[in-house]
Amino acid sequence: ARFQQPVLGLDIAEGMLRYARSQGPASCAWVTADAEALPLRSD
């Protein structure tokens, strides 16, 4: 809502992500991830 941009939601708990996905919005994406090994490109 603040940035008016899609946001990537990352969490280690799959149950949380399932719930988050059910709440929307559709523009956001939800990925199971460990903060110590992020599945994201550098920079």
ModelCIF file with pLDDT and N, C-alpha, C, O atoms, coordinates in Angstrom:
data_MODEL
#
_entry.id   MODEL 
#
_entity.id                         1 
_entity.type                       polymer 
_entity.pdbx_number_of_molecules   1 
#
_entity_poly.entity_id                      1 
_entity_poly.type                           'polypeptide(L)' 
_entity_poly.nstd_linkage                   no 
_entity_poly.nstd_monomer                   no 
_entity_poly.pdbx_seq_one_letter_code       ARFQQPVLGLDIAEGMLRYARSQGPASCAWVTADAEALPLRSD 
_entity_poly.pdbx_seq_one_letter_code_can   ARFQQPVLGLDIAEGMLRYARSQGPASCAWVTADAEALPLRSD 
_entity_poly.pdbx_strand_id                 A 
#
loop_
_entity_poly_seq.entity_id 
_entity_poly_seq.num 
_entity_poly_seq.mon_id 
_entity_poly_seq.hetero 
1 1  ALA n 
1 2  ARG n 
1 3  PHE n 
1 4  GLN n 
1 5  GLN n 
1 6  PRO n 
1 7  VAL n 
1 8  LEU n 
1 9  GLY n 
1 10 LEU n 
1 11 ASP n 
1 12 ILE n 
1 13 ALA n 
1 14 GLU n 
1 15 GLY n 
1 16 MET n 
1 17 LEU n 
1 18 ARG n 
1 19 TYR n 
1 20 ALA n 
1 21 ARG n 
1 22 SER n 
1 23 GLN n 
1 24 GLY n 
1 25 PRO n 
1 26 ALA n 
1 27 SER n 
1 28 CYS n 
1 29 ALA n 
1 30 TRP n 
1 31 VAL n 
1 32 THR n 
1 33 ALA n 
1 34 ASP n 
1 35 ALA n 
1 36 GLU n 
1 37 ALA n 
1 38 LEU n 
1 39 PRO n 
1 40 LEU n 
1 41 ARG n 
1 42 SER n 
1 43 ASP n 
#
_struct_asym.id          A 
_struct_asym.entity_id   1 
#
loop_
_ma_qa_metric.id 
_ma_qa_metric.mode 
_ma_qa_metric.name 
_ma_qa_metric.software_group_id 
_ma_qa_metric.type 
1 global pLDDT . pLDDT 
2 local  pLDDT . pLDDT 
#
_ma_qa_metric_global.metric_id      1 
_ma_qa_metric_global.metric_value   95.93 
_ma_qa_metric_global.model_id       1 
_ma_qa_metric_global.ordinal_id     1 
#
loop_
_ma_qa_metric_local.label_asym_id 
_ma_qa_metric_local.label_comp_id 
_ma_qa_metric_local.label_seq_id 
_ma_qa_metric_local.metric_id 
_ma_qa_metric_local.metric_value 
_ma_qa_metric_local.model_id 
_ma_qa_metric_local.ordinal_id 
A ALA 1  2 96.00 1 1  
A ARG 2  2 96.00 1 2  
A PHE 3  2 97.00 1 3  
A GLN 4  2 96.00 1 4  
A GLN 5  2 96.00 1 5  
A PRO 6  2 96.00 1 6  
A VAL 7  2 98.00 1 7  
A LEU 8  2 98.00 1 8  
A GLY 9  2 98.00 1 9  
A LEU 10 2 98.00 1 10 
A ASP 11 2 97.00 1 11 
A ILE 12 2 96.00 1 12 
A ALA 13 2 95.00 1 13 
A GLU 14 2 95.00 1 14 
A GLY 15 2 94.00 1 15 
A MET 16 2 95.00 1 16 
A LEU 17 2 97.00 1 17 
A ARG 18 2 96.00 1 18 
A TYR 19 2 95.00 1 19 
A ALA 20 2 96.00 1 20 
A ARG 21 2 95.00 1 21 
A SER 22 2 95.00 1 22 
A GLN 23 2 93.00 1 23 
A GLY 24 2 85.00 1 24 
A PRO 25 2 92.00 1 25 
A ALA 26 2 91.00 1 26 
A SER 27 2 92.00 1 27 
A CYS 28 2 96.00 1 28 
A ALA 29 2 97.00 1 29 
A TRP 30 2 97.00 1 30 
A VAL 31 2 98.00 1 31 
A THR 32 2 97.00 1 32 
A ALA 33 2 97.00 1 33 
A ASP 34 2 97.00 1 34 
A ALA 35 2 97.00 1 35 
A GLU 36 2 97.00 1 36 
A ALA 37 2 97.00 1 37 
A LEU 38 2 98.00 1 38 
A PRO 39 2 97.00 1 39 
A LEU 40 2 98.00 1 40 
A ARG 41 2 98.00 1 41 
A SER 42 2 98.00 1 42 
A ASP 43 2 98.00 1 43 
#
loop_
_atom_site.group_PDB 
_atom_site.id 
_atom_site.type_symbol 
_atom_site.label_atom_id 
_atom_site.label_alt_id 
_atom_site.label_comp_id 
_atom_site.label_asym_id 
_atom_site.label_entity_id 
_atom_site.label_seq_id 
_atom_site.pdbx_PDB_ins_code 
_atom_site.Cartn_x 
_atom_site.Cartn_y 
_atom_site.Cartn_z 
_atom_site.occupancy 
_atom_site.B_iso_or_equiv 
_atom_site.pdbx_formal_charge 
_atom_site.auth_seq_id 
_atom_site.auth_comp_id 
_atom_site.auth_asym_id 
_atom_site.auth_atom_id 
_atom_site.pdbx_PDB_model_num 
ATOM 1   N N  . ALA A 1 1  ? 0.830  -1.206  0.000  1.00 96.00 ? 1  ALA A N  1 
ATOM 2   C CA . ALA A 1 1  ? 0.000  0.000   0.000  1.00 96.00 ? 1  ALA A CA 1 
ATOM 3   C C  . ALA A 1 1  ? 0.866  1.258   0.000  1.00 96.00 ? 1  ALA A C  1 
ATOM 4   O O  . ALA A 1 1  ? 0.541  2.239   -0.670 1.00 96.00 ? 1  ALA A O  1 
ATOM 5   N N  . ARG A 1 2  ? 1.970  1.229   0.753  1.00 96.00 ? 2  ARG A N  1 
ATOM 6   C CA . ARG A 1 2  ? 2.809  2.432   0.831  1.00 96.00 ? 2  ARG A CA 1 
ATOM 7   C C  . ARG A 1 2  ? 3.546  2.705   -0.471 1.00 96.00 ? 2  ARG A C  1 
ATOM 8   O O  . ARG A 1 2  ? 3.563  3.838   -0.950 1.00 96.00 ? 2  ARG A O  1 
ATOM 9   N N  . PHE A 1 3  ? 4.157  1.672   -1.046 1.00 97.00 ? 3  PHE A N  1 
ATOM 10  C CA . PHE A 1 3  ? 5.018  1.888   -2.210 1.00 97.00 ? 3  PHE A CA 1 
ATOM 11  C C  . PHE A 1 3  ? 4.302  1.662   -3.531 1.00 97.00 ? 3  PHE A C  1 
ATOM 12  O O  . PHE A 1 3  ? 4.837  1.976   -4.594 1.00 97.00 ? 3  PHE A O  1 
ATOM 13  N N  . GLN A 1 4  ? 3.082  1.114   -3.463 1.00 96.00 ? 4  GLN A N  1 
ATOM 14  C CA . GLN A 1 4  ? 2.320  0.854   -4.690 1.00 96.00 ? 4  GLN A CA 1 
ATOM 15  C C  . GLN A 1 4  ? 3.119  -0.012  -5.658 1.00 96.00 ? 4  GLN A C  1 
ATOM 16  O O  . GLN A 1 4  ? 3.120  0.207   -6.869 1.00 96.00 ? 4  GLN A O  1 
ATOM 17  N N  . GLN A 1 5  ? 3.794  -0.999  -5.083 1.00 96.00 ? 5  GLN A N  1 
ATOM 18  C CA . GLN A 1 5  ? 4.610  -1.926  -5.866 1.00 96.00 ? 5  GLN A CA 1 
ATOM 19  C C  . GLN A 1 5  ? 4.361  -3.349  -5.361 1.00 96.00 ? 5  GLN A C  1 
ATOM 20  O O  . GLN A 1 5  ? 4.010  -3.541  -4.197 1.00 96.00 ? 5  GLN A O  1 
ATOM 21  N N  . PRO A 1 6  ? 4.541  -4.352  -6.236 1.00 96.00 ? 6  PRO A N  1 
ATOM 22  C CA . PRO A 1 6  ? 4.479  -5.734  -5.751 1.00 96.00 ? 6  PRO A CA 1 
ATOM 23  C C  . PRO A 1 6  ? 5.550  -5.967  -4.687 1.00 96.00 ? 6  PRO A C  1 
ATOM 24  O O  . PRO A 1 6  ? 6.651  -5.425  -4.779 1.00 96.00 ? 6  PRO A O  1 
ATOM 25  N N  . VAL A 1 7  ? 5.233  -6.759  -3.698 1.00 98.00 ? 7  VAL A N  1 
ATOM 26  C CA . VAL A 1 7  ? 6.166  -7.079  -2.617 1.00 98.00 ? 7  VAL A CA 1 
ATOM 27  C C  . VAL A 1 7  ? 6.361  -8.587  -2.589 1.00 98.00 ? 7  VAL A C  1 
ATOM 28  O O  . VAL A 1 7  ? 5.405  -9.346  -2.750 1.00 98.00 ? 7  VAL A O  1 
ATOM 29  N N  . LEU A 1 8  ? 7.591  -9.017  -2.386 1.00 98.00 ? 8  LEU A N  1 
ATOM 30  C CA . LEU A 1 8  ? 7.899  -10.428 -2.262 1.00 98.00 ? 8  LEU A CA 1 
ATOM 31  C C  . LEU A 1 8  ? 7.910  -10.794 -0.783 1.00 98.00 ? 8  LEU A C  1 
ATOM 32  O O  . LEU A 1 8  ? 8.732  -10.282 -0.024 1.00 98.00 ? 8  LEU A O  1 
ATOM 33  N N  . GLY A 1 9  ? 7.012  -11.668 -0.373 1.00 98.00 ? 9  GLY A N  1 
ATOM 34  C CA . GLY A 1 9  ? 6.951  -12.132 1.002  1.00 98.00 ? 9  GLY A CA 1 
ATOM 35  C C  . GLY A 1 9  ? 7.708  -13.447 1.150  1.00 98.00 ? 9  GLY A C  1 
ATOM 36  O O  . GLY A 1 9  ? 7.376  -14.439 0.500  1.00 98.00 ? 9  GLY A O  1 
ATOM 37  N N  . LEU A 1 10 ? 8.713  -13.449 1.996  1.00 98.00 ? 10 LEU A N  1 
ATOM 38  C CA . LEU A 1 10 ? 9.521  -14.640 2.246  1.00 98.00 ? 10 LEU A CA 1 
ATOM 39  C C  . LEU A 1 10 ? 9.334  -15.103 3.689  1.00 98.00 ? 10 LEU A C  1 
ATOM 40  O O  . LEU A 1 10 ? 9.295  -14.279 4.603  1.00 98.00 ? 10 LEU A O  1 
ATOM 41  N N  . ASP A 1 11 ? 9.219  -16.399 3.898  1.00 97.00 ? 11 ASP A N  1 
ATOM 42  C CA . ASP A 1 11 ? 9.112  -16.930 5.257  1.00 97.00 ? 11 ASP A CA 1 
ATOM 43  C C  . ASP A 1 11 ? 9.544  -18.390 5.261  1.00 97.00 ? 11 ASP A C  1 
ATOM 44  O O  . ASP A 1 11 ? 9.407  -19.100 4.265  1.00 97.00 ? 11 ASP A O  1 
ATOM 45  N N  . ILE A 1 12 ? 10.067 -18.819 6.403  1.00 96.00 ? 12 ILE A N  1 
ATOM 46  C CA . ILE A 1 12 ? 10.500 -20.204 6.546  1.00 96.00 ? 12 ILE A CA 1 
ATOM 47  C C  . ILE A 1 12 ? 9.323  -21.129 6.843  1.00 96.00 ? 12 ILE A C  1 
ATOM 48  O O  . ILE A 1 12 ? 9.428  -22.345 6.677  1.00 96.00 ? 12 ILE A O  1 
ATOM 49  N N  . ALA A 1 13 ? 8.198  -20.551 7.283  1.00 95.00 ? 13 ALA A N  1 
ATOM 50  C CA . ALA A 1 13 ? 7.029  -21.328 7.701  1.00 95.00 ? 13 ALA A CA 1 
ATOM 51  C C  . ALA A 1 13 ? 6.014  -21.404 6.565  1.00 95.00 ? 13 ALA A C  1 
ATOM 52  O O  . ALA A 1 13 ? 5.367  -20.410 6.234  1.00 95.00 ? 13 ALA A O  1 
ATOM 53  N N  . GLU A 1 14 ? 5.878  -22.576 5.975  1.00 95.00 ? 14 GLU A N  1 
ATOM 54  C CA . GLU A 1 14 ? 4.976  -22.728 4.830  1.00 95.00 ? 14 GLU A CA 1 
ATOM 55  C C  . GLU A 1 14 ? 3.523  -22.461 5.211  1.00 95.00 ? 14 GLU A C  1 
ATOM 56  O O  . GLU A 1 14 ? 2.752  -21.949 4.400  1.00 95.00 ? 14 GLU A O  1 
ATOM 57  N N  . GLY A 1 15 ? 3.150  -22.804 6.438  1.00 94.00 ? 15 GLY A N  1 
ATOM 58  C CA . GLY A 1 15 ? 1.780  -22.550 6.879  1.00 94.00 ? 15 GLY A CA 1 
ATOM 59  C C  . GLY A 1 15 ? 1.453  -21.067 6.897  1.00 94.00 ? 15 GLY A C  1 
ATOM 60  O O  . GLY A 1 15 ? 0.342  -20.665 6.549  1.00 94.00 ? 15 GLY A O  1 
ATOM 61  N N  . MET A 1 16 ? 2.421  -20.254 7.302  1.00 95.00 ? 16 MET A N  1 
ATOM 62  C CA . MET A 1 16 ? 2.222  -18.809 7.277  1.00 95.00 ? 16 MET A CA 1 
ATOM 63  C C  . MET A 1 16 ? 2.040  -18.309 5.853  1.00 95.00 ? 16 MET A C  1 
ATOM 64  O O  . MET A 1 16 ? 1.186  -17.461 5.594  1.00 95.00 ? 16 MET A O  1 
ATOM 65  N N  . LEU A 1 17 ? 2.835  -18.829 4.933  1.00 97.00 ? 17 LEU A N  1 
ATOM 66  C CA . LEU A 1 17 ? 2.749  -18.383 3.542  1.00 97.00 ? 17 LEU A CA 1 
ATOM 67  C C  . LEU A 1 17 ? 1.415  -18.767 2.912  1.00 97.00 ? 17 LEU A C  1 
ATOM 68  O O  . LEU A 1 17 ? 0.845  -17.990 2.147  1.00 97.00 ? 17 LEU A O  1 
ATOM 69  N N  . ARG A 1 18 ? 0.915  -19.954 3.227  1.00 96.00 ? 18 ARG A N  1 
ATOM 70  C CA . ARG A 1 18 ? -0.396 -20.349 2.703  1.00 96.00 ? 18 ARG A CA 1 
ATOM 71  C C  . ARG A 1 18 ? -1.471 -19.381 3.183  1.00 96.00 ? 18 ARG A C  1 
ATOM 72  O O  . ARG A 1 18 ? -2.342 -18.970 2.416  1.00 96.00 ? 18 ARG A O  1 
ATOM 73  N N  . TYR A 1 19 ? -1.397 -19.027 4.451  1.00 95.00 ? 19 TYR A N  1 
ATOM 74  C CA . TYR A 1 19 ? -2.382 -18.085 5.001  1.00 95.00 ? 19 TYR A CA 1 
ATOM 75  C C  . TYR A 1 19 ? -2.215 -16.714 4.356  1.00 95.00 ? 19 TYR A C  1 
ATOM 76  O O  . TYR A 1 19 ? -3.202 -16.090 3.967  1.00 95.00 ? 19 TYR A O  1 
ATOM 77  N N  . ALA A 1 20 ? -0.972 -16.237 4.240  1.00 96.00 ? 20 ALA A N  1 
ATOM 78  C CA . ALA A 1 20 ? -0.718 -14.928 3.645  1.00 96.00 ? 20 ALA A CA 1 
ATOM 79  C C  . ALA A 1 20 ? -1.240 -14.874 2.216  1.00 96.00 ? 20 ALA A C  1 
ATOM 80  O O  . ALA A 1 20 ? -1.851 -13.886 1.807  1.00 96.00 ? 20 ALA A O  1 
ATOM 81  N N  . ARG A 1 21 ? -0.998 -15.934 1.463  1.00 95.00 ? 21 ARG A N  1 
ATOM 82  C CA . ARG A 1 21 ? -1.444 -15.973 0.069  1.00 95.00 ? 21 ARG A CA 1 
ATOM 83  C C  . ARG A 1 21 ? -2.972 -15.851 0.000  1.00 95.00 ? 21 ARG A C  1 
ATOM 84  O O  . ARG A 1 21 ? -3.502 -15.216 -0.911 1.00 95.00 ? 21 ARG A O  1 
ATOM 85  N N  . SER A 1 22 ? -3.670 -16.454 0.953  1.00 95.00 ? 22 SER A N  1 
ATOM 86  C CA . SER A 1 22 ? -5.137 -16.413 0.950  1.00 95.00 ? 22 SER A CA 1 
ATOM 87  C C  . SER A 1 22 ? -5.672 -15.020 1.245  1.00 95.00 ? 22 SER A C  1 
ATOM 88  O O  . SER A 1 22 ? -6.822 -14.717 0.930  1.00 95.00 ? 22 SER A O  1 
ATOM 89  N N  . GLN A 1 23 ? -4.838 -14.165 1.852  1.00 93.00 ? 23 GLN A N  1 
ATOM 90  C CA . GLN A 1 23 ? -5.268 -12.813 2.202  1.00 93.00 ? 23 GLN A CA 1 
ATOM 91  C C  . GLN A 1 23 ? -4.966 -11.795 1.105  1.00 93.00 ? 23 GLN A C  1 
ATOM 92  O O  . GLN A 1 23 ? -5.462 -10.669 1.136  1.00 93.00 ? 23 GLN A O  1 
ATOM 93  N N  . GLY A 1 24 ? -4.131 -12.211 0.116  1.00 85.00 ? 24 GLY A N  1 
ATOM 94  C CA . GLY A 1 24 ? -3.797 -11.311 -0.988 1.00 85.00 ? 24 GLY A CA 1 
ATOM 95  C C  . GLY A 1 24 ? -2.811 -10.241 -0.563 1.00 85.00 ? 24 GLY A C  1 
ATOM 96  O O  . GLY A 1 24 ? -2.253 -10.315 0.532  1.00 85.00 ? 24 GLY A O  1 
ATOM 97  N N  . PRO A 1 25 ? -2.585 -9.233  -1.424 1.00 92.00 ? 25 PRO A N  1 
ATOM 98  C CA . PRO A 1 25 ? -3.171 -9.043  -2.748 1.00 92.00 ? 25 PRO A CA 1 
ATOM 99  C C  . PRO A 1 25 ? -2.494 -9.911  -3.807 1.00 92.00 ? 25 PRO A C  1 
ATOM 100 O O  . PRO A 1 25 ? -1.426 -10.480 -3.582 1.00 92.00 ? 25 PRO A O  1 
ATOM 101 N N  . ALA A 1 26 ? -3.135 -9.995  -4.951 1.00 91.00 ? 26 ALA A N  1 
ATOM 102 C CA . ALA A 1 26 ? -2.633 -10.860 -6.018 1.00 91.00 ? 26 ALA A CA 1 
ATOM 103 C C  . ALA A 1 26 ? -1.298 -10.381 -6.567 1.00 91.00 ? 26 ALA A C  1 
ATOM 104 O O  . ALA A 1 26 ? -0.551 -11.170 -7.146 1.00 91.00 ? 26 ALA A O  1 
ATOM 105 N N  . SER A 1 27 ? -0.989 -9.108  -6.395 1.00 92.00 ? 27 SER A N  1 
ATOM 106 C CA . SER A 1 27 ? 0.262  -8.575  -6.941 1.00 92.00 ? 27 SER A CA 1 
ATOM 107 C C  . SER A 1 27 ? 1.480  -9.000  -6.134 1.00 92.00 ? 27 SER A C  1 
ATOM 108 O O  . SER A 1 27 ? 2.608  -8.869  -6.610 1.00 92.00 ? 27 SER A O  1 
ATOM 109 N N  . CYS A 1 28 ? 1.276  -9.506  -4.925 1.00 96.00 ? 28 CYS A N  1 
ATOM 110 C CA . CYS A 1 28 ? 2.394  -9.957  -4.098 1.00 96.00 ? 28 CYS A CA 1 
ATOM 111 C C  . CYS A 1 28 ? 2.685  -11.424 -4.353 1.00 96.00 ? 28 CYS A C  1 
ATOM 112 O O  . CYS A 1 28 ? 1.796  -12.191 -4.725 1.00 96.00 ? 28 CYS A O  1 
ATOM 113 N N  . ALA A 1 29 ? 3.940  -11.809 -4.151 1.00 97.00 ? 29 ALA A N  1 
ATOM 114 C CA . ALA A 1 29 ? 4.358  -13.195 -4.329 1.00 97.00 ? 29 ALA A CA 1 
ATOM 115 C C  . ALA A 1 29 ? 4.851  -13.731 -2.989 1.00 97.00 ? 29 ALA A C  1 
ATOM 116 O O  . ALA A 1 29 ? 5.321  -12.975 -2.139 1.00 97.00 ? 29 ALA A O  1 
ATOM 117 N N  . TRP A 1 30 ? 4.736  -15.048 -2.814 1.00 97.00 ? 30 TRP A N  1 
ATOM 118 C CA . TRP A 1 30 ? 5.044  -15.666 -1.518 1.00 97.00 ? 30 TRP A CA 1 
ATOM 119 C C  . TRP A 1 30 ? 5.958  -16.858 -1.747 1.00 97.00 ? 30 TRP A C  1 
ATOM 120 O O  . TRP A 1 30 ? 5.620  -17.766 -2.506 1.00 97.00 ? 30 TRP A O  1 
ATOM 121 N N  . VAL A 1 31 ? 7.106  -16.858 -1.099 1.00 98.00 ? 31 VAL A N  1 
ATOM 122 C CA . VAL A 1 31 ? 8.117  -17.889 -1.347 1.00 98.00 ? 31 VAL A CA 1 
ATOM 123 C C  . VAL A 1 31 ? 8.685  -18.386 -0.018 1.00 98.00 ? 31 VAL A C  1 
ATOM 124 O O  . VAL A 1 31 ? 9.024  -17.592 0.859  1.00 98.00 ? 31 VAL A O  1 
ATOM 125 N N  . THR A 1 32 ? 8.783  -19.702 0.118  1.00 97.00 ? 32 THR A N  1 
ATOM 126 C CA . THR A 1 32 ? 9.433  -20.300 1.279  1.00 97.00 ? 32 THR A CA 1 
ATOM 127 C C  . THR A 1 32 ? 10.929 -20.051 1.186  1.00 97.00 ? 32 THR A C  1 
ATOM 128 O O  . THR A 1 32 ? 11.556 -20.390 0.182  1.00 97.00 ? 32 THR A O  1 
ATOM 129 N N  . ALA A 1 33 ? 11.505 -19.461 2.227  1.00 97.00 ? 33 ALA A N  1 
ATOM 130 C CA . ALA A 1 33 ? 12.914 -19.093 2.158  1.00 97.00 ? 33 ALA A CA 1 
ATOM 131 C C  . ALA A 1 33 ? 13.495 -18.970 3.553  1.00 97.00 ? 33 ALA A C  1 
ATOM 132 O O  . ALA A 1 33 ? 12.796 -18.678 4.523  1.00 97.00 ? 33 ALA A O  1 
ATOM 133 N N  . ASP A 1 34 ? 14.797 -19.204 3.619  1.00 97.00 ? 34 ASP A N  1 
ATOM 134 C CA . ASP A 1 34 ? 15.584 -19.083 4.839  1.00 97.00 ? 34 ASP A CA 1 
ATOM 135 C C  . ASP A 1 34 ? 16.359 -17.772 4.759  1.00 97.00 ? 34 ASP A C  1 
ATOM 136 O O  . ASP A 1 34 ? 17.048 -17.522 3.770  1.00 97.00 ? 34 ASP A O  1 
ATOM 137 N N  . ALA A 1 35 ? 16.255 -16.938 5.783  1.00 97.00 ? 35 ALA A N  1 
ATOM 138 C CA . ALA A 1 35 ? 16.931 -15.635 5.769  1.00 97.00 ? 35 ALA A CA 1 
ATOM 139 C C  . ALA A 1 35 ? 18.443 -15.764 5.652  1.00 97.00 ? 35 ALA A C  1 
ATOM 140 O O  . ALA A 1 35 ? 19.116 -14.822 5.234  1.00 97.00 ? 35 ALA A O  1 
ATOM 141 N N  . GLU A 1 36 ? 18.981 -16.925 6.018  1.00 97.00 ? 36 GLU A N  1 
ATOM 142 C CA . GLU A 1 36 ? 20.428 -17.120 5.953  1.00 97.00 ? 36 GLU A CA 1 
ATOM 143 C C  . GLU A 1 36 ? 20.894 -17.622 4.591  1.00 97.00 ? 36 GLU A C  1 
ATOM 144 O O  . GLU A 1 36 ? 22.094 -17.778 4.365  1.00 97.00 ? 36 GLU A O  1 
ATOM 145 N N  . ALA A 1 37 ? 19.950 -17.878 3.679  1.00 97.00 ? 37 ALA A N  1 
ATOM 146 C CA . ALA A 1 37 ? 20.293 -18.331 2.321  1.00 97.00 ? 37 ALA A CA 1 
ATOM 147 C C  . ALA A 1 37 ? 19.189 -17.853 1.381  1.00 97.00 ? 37 ALA A C  1 
ATOM 148 O O  . ALA A 1 37 ? 18.375 -18.649 0.913  1.00 97.00 ? 37 ALA A O  1 
ATOM 149 N N  . LEU A 1 38 ? 19.168 -16.570 1.112  1.00 98.00 ? 38 LEU A N  1 
ATOM 150 C CA . LEU A 1 38 ? 18.072 -15.969 0.356  1.00 98.00 ? 38 LEU A CA 1 
ATOM 151 C C  . LEU A 1 38 ? 18.092 -16.409 -1.110 1.00 98.00 ? 38 LEU A C  1 
ATOM 152 O O  . LEU A 1 38 ? 19.148 -16.399 -1.743 1.00 98.00 ? 38 LEU A O  1 
ATOM 153 N N  . PRO A 1 39 ? 16.940 -16.793 -1.650 1.00 97.00 ? 39 PRO A N  1 
ATOM 154 C CA . PRO A 1 39 ? 16.855 -17.214 -3.050 1.00 97.00 ? 39 PRO A CA 1 
ATOM 155 C C  . PRO A 1 39 ? 16.706 -16.006 -3.983 1.00 97.00 ? 39 PRO A C  1 
ATOM 156 O O  . PRO A 1 39 ? 15.794 -15.953 -4.808 1.00 97.00 ? 39 PRO A O  1 
ATOM 157 N N  . LEU A 1 40 ? 17.610 -15.046 -3.837 1.00 98.00 ? 40 LEU A N  1 
ATOM 158 C CA . LEU A 1 40 ? 17.527 -13.794 -4.585 1.00 98.00 ? 40 LEU A CA 1 
ATOM 159 C C  . LEU A 1 40 ? 18.880 -13.485 -5.206 1.00 98.00 ? 40 LEU A C  1 
ATOM 160 O O  . LEU A 1 40 ? 19.926 -13.825 -4.653 1.00 98.00 ? 40 LEU A O  1 
ATOM 161 N N  . ARG A 1 41 ? 18.844 -12.834 -6.367 1.00 98.00 ? 41 ARG A N  1 
ATOM 162 C CA . ARG A 1 41 ? 20.085 -12.444 -7.034 1.00 98.00 ? 41 ARG A CA 1 
ATOM 163 C C  . ARG A 1 41 ? 20.804 -11.352 -6.244 1.00 98.00 ? 41 ARG A C  1 
ATOM 164 O O  . ARG A 1 41 ? 20.176 -10.550 -5.554 1.00 98.00 ? 41 ARG A O  1 
ATOM 165 N N  . SER A 1 42 ? 22.113 -11.338 -6.357 1.00 98.00 ? 42 SER A N  1 
ATOM 166 C CA . SER A 1 42 ? 22.892 -10.262 -5.741 1.00 98.00 ? 42 SER A CA 1 
ATOM 167 C C  . SER A 1 42 ? 22.513 -8.922  -6.377 1.00 98.00 ? 42 SER A C  1 
ATOM 168 O O  . SER A 1 42 ? 22.205 -8.854  -7.567 1.00 98.00 ? 42 SER A O  1 
ATOM 169 N N  . ASP A 1 43 ? 22.540 -7.879  -5.585 1.00 98.00 ? 43 ASP A N  1 
ATOM 170 C CA . ASP A 1 43 ? 22.277 -6.517  -6.058 1.00 98.00 ? 43 ASP A CA 1 
ATOM 171 C C  . ASP A 1 43 ? 20.933 -6.397  -6.765 1.00 98.00 ? 43 ASP A C  1 
ATOM 172 O O  . ASP A 1 43 ? 20.569 -5.312  -7.220 1.00 98.00 ? 43 ASP A O  1 
#
